Amino acid sequence: MNKSLLTVLLSVIGGVAAVTAAVTAFLIFKEKKRRDEEELEHYLDSSIQ
């Protein structure tokens, strides 16, 4: 395996890892936001009754 092929392979693996990390962070953020909204809605419903 020559040096340029190794460089390309490591770059692709690094790029995939970066995209995966970004998607995971986005999904965690969306899930936390949804959970917070549900808790707020439950709190407001409970306080009205």
Protein backbone atom coordinates (compact mmCIF):
# COMPACT_ATOMS: atom_id res chain seq x y z
CA MET A 1 0.00 0.00 0.00
CA ASN A 2 1.50 3.31 -1.00
CA LYS A 3 1.48 6.48 1.06
CA SER A 4 -1.16 8.38 -0.94
CA LEU A 5 -3.66 5.52 -0.73
CA LEU A 6 -3.19 5.35 3.03
CA THR A 7 -3.71 9.11 3.28
CA VAL A 8 -6.94 8.92 1.27
CA LEU A 9 -8.20 5.98 3.32
CA LEU A 10 -7.51 7.75 6.63
CA SER A 11 -9.15 10.92 5.31
CA VAL A 12 -12.29 9.04 4.32
CA ILE A 13 -12.45 7.28 7.69
CA GLY A 14 -11.97 10.61 9.48
CA GLY A 15 -14.68 12.23 7.39
CA VAL A 16 -17.14 9.45 8.10
CA ALA A 17 -16.36 9.67 11.82
CA ALA A 18 -16.92 13.44 11.79
CA VAL A 19 -20.26 13.13 9.99
CA THR A 20 -21.37 10.36 12.34
CA ALA A 21 -20.47 12.47 15.38
CA ALA A 22 -22.36 15.47 13.99
CA VAL A 23 -25.49 13.42 13.25
CA THR A 24 -25.37 11.81 16.69
CA ALA A 25 -25.04 15.20 18.40
CA PHE A 26 -27.97 16.55 16.36
CA LEU A 27 -30.19 13.59 17.26
CA ILE A 28 -29.32 13.85 20.95
CA PHE A 29 -30.11 17.57 20.88
CA LYS A 30 -33.47 16.98 19.17
CA GLU A 31 -34.39 14.22 21.65
CA LYS A 32 -33.51 16.44 24.64
CA LYS A 33 -35.56 19.31 23.22
CA ARG A 34 -38.55 17.00 22.67
CA ARG A 35 -38.25 15.60 26.21
CA ASP A 36 -38.02 19.12 27.70
CA GLU A 37 -41.14 20.19 25.80
CA GLU A 38 -43.04 17.13 27.04
CA GLU A 39 -42.01 17.85 30.63
CA LEU A 40 -43.09 21.48 30.29
CA GLU A 41 -46.42 20.46 28.80
CA HIS A 42 -46.97 17.97 31.62
CA TYR A 43 -46.05 20.61 34.21
CA LEU A 44 -48.45 23.13 32.69
CA ASP A 45 -51.26 20.58 32.47
CA SER A 46 -50.69 19.59 36.10
CA SER A 47 -50.64 23.18 37.34
CA ILE A 48 -53.93 24.04 35.63
CA GLN A 49 -55.91 21.22 37.24
